[in-house]
């Protein structure tokens, strides 16, 4: 991977194989889990799982067939 300039920041273009392996899509977030000079470990942030976990704290059970769709939720 090559580091590139993106505005005032630096960016890394992810190879297709890694994108497919992590199941990434535009708008997904990654957390840097571990970093050293030789290695960078990232994980995909699963906002859906976090939201469902928060719902359980309030005892708001989701319907059995519930599936959160970010694009559908943001339609105007």
Protein backbone atom coordinates (compact mmCIF):
# COMPACT_ATOMS: atom_id res chain seq x y z
CA UNK A 1 0.00 0.00 0.00
CA UNK A 2 1.15 3.51 -0.70
CA UNK A 3 0.58 6.50 1.57
CA UNK A 4 -0.84 9.47 -0.33
CA UNK A 5 -1.68 13.07 0.49
CA UNK A 6 -5.42 13.77 0.89
CA UNK A 7 -6.03 17.44 1.69
CA UNK A 8 -4.05 18.14 4.86
CA UNK A 9 -4.07 14.45 5.84
CA UNK A 10 -2.44 11.25 4.69
CA UNK A 11 -4.44 8.33 3.30
CA UNK A 12 -3.85 4.69 2.44
CA UNK A 13 -5.61 2.96 -0.44
CA UNK A 14 -6.75 -0.51 0.64
CA UNK A 15 -6.21 -3.44 -1.71
CA UNK A 16 -9.33 -5.15 -3.05
CA UNK A 17 -8.45 -8.44 -1.32
CA UNK A 18 -8.35 -6.74 2.09
CA UNK A 19 -11.60 -4.86 1.42
CA UNK A 20 -13.32 -8.13 0.54
CA UNK A 21 -11.79 -9.97 3.51
CA UNK A 22 -13.05 -7.34 5.97
CA UNK A 23 -16.36 -6.89 4.14
CA UNK A 24 -15.80 -3.14 3.81
CA UNK A 25 -18.01 -0.68 1.97
CA UNK A 26 -17.77 3.10 1.47
CA UNK A 27 -18.58 4.84 4.73
CA UNK A 28 -17.42 1.98 6.98
CA UNK A 29 -15.08 2.83 9.83
CA UNK A 30 -11.87 1.11 10.89
CA UNK A 31 -10.11 1.20 14.25
CA UNK A 32 -6.34 0.90 14.50
CA UNK A 33 -5.88 -1.88 17.04
CA UNK A 34 -2.10 -2.10 17.03
CA UNK A 35 0.64 -0.22 15.25
CA UNK A 36 4.39 -0.64 14.98
CA UNK A 37 7.00 0.14 12.33
CA UNK A 38 6.49 -3.30 10.77
CA UNK A 39 2.77 -3.87 11.21
CA UNK A 40 -0.60 -2.10 11.35
CA UNK A 41 -3.58 -4.04 12.69
CA UNK A 42 -7.08 -2.72 12.00
CA UNK A 43 -10.59 -3.91 12.73
CA UNK A 44 -13.90 -2.95 11.18
CA UNK A 45 -16.22 -0.95 13.44
CA UNK A 46 -19.59 -2.72 13.46
CA UNK A 47 -22.02 0.10 14.25
CA UNK A 48 -25.00 -2.24 13.78
CA UNK A 49 -23.78 -4.61 16.49
CA UNK A 50 -23.02 -1.68 18.82
CA UNK A 51 -26.52 -0.27 18.29
CA UNK A 52 -28.21 -3.62 18.92
CA UNK A 53 -26.16 -4.07 22.10
CA UNK A 54 -27.28 -0.64 23.31
CA UNK A 55 -30.90 -1.52 22.54
CA UNK A 56 -30.60 -4.58 24.78
CA UNK A 57 -29.50 -2.36 27.69
CA UNK A 58 -32.83 -0.55 27.47
CA UNK A 59 -34.73 -3.80 27.01
CA UNK A 60 -36.09 -2.75 23.65
CA UNK A 61 -36.09 -6.05 21.83
CA UNK A 62 -35.76 -5.86 18.07
CA UNK A 63 -38.30 -7.80 16.01
CA UNK A 64 -37.10 -11.29 15.13
CA UNK A 65 -36.56 -10.40 11.44
CA UNK A 66 -35.06 -6.92 12.15
CA UNK A 67 -32.16 -5.90 9.92
CA UNK A 68 -30.64 -2.42 10.16
CA UNK A 69 -29.89 -0.84 6.78
CA UNK A 70 -27.84 2.37 6.99
CA UNK A 71 -28.82 3.48 3.48
CA UNK A 72 -32.52 2.93 4.14
CA UNK A 73 -32.32 4.76 7.48
CA UNK A 74 -30.72 7.78 5.81
CA UNK A 75 -33.10 8.02 2.84
CA UNK A 76 -34.82 11.37 2.55
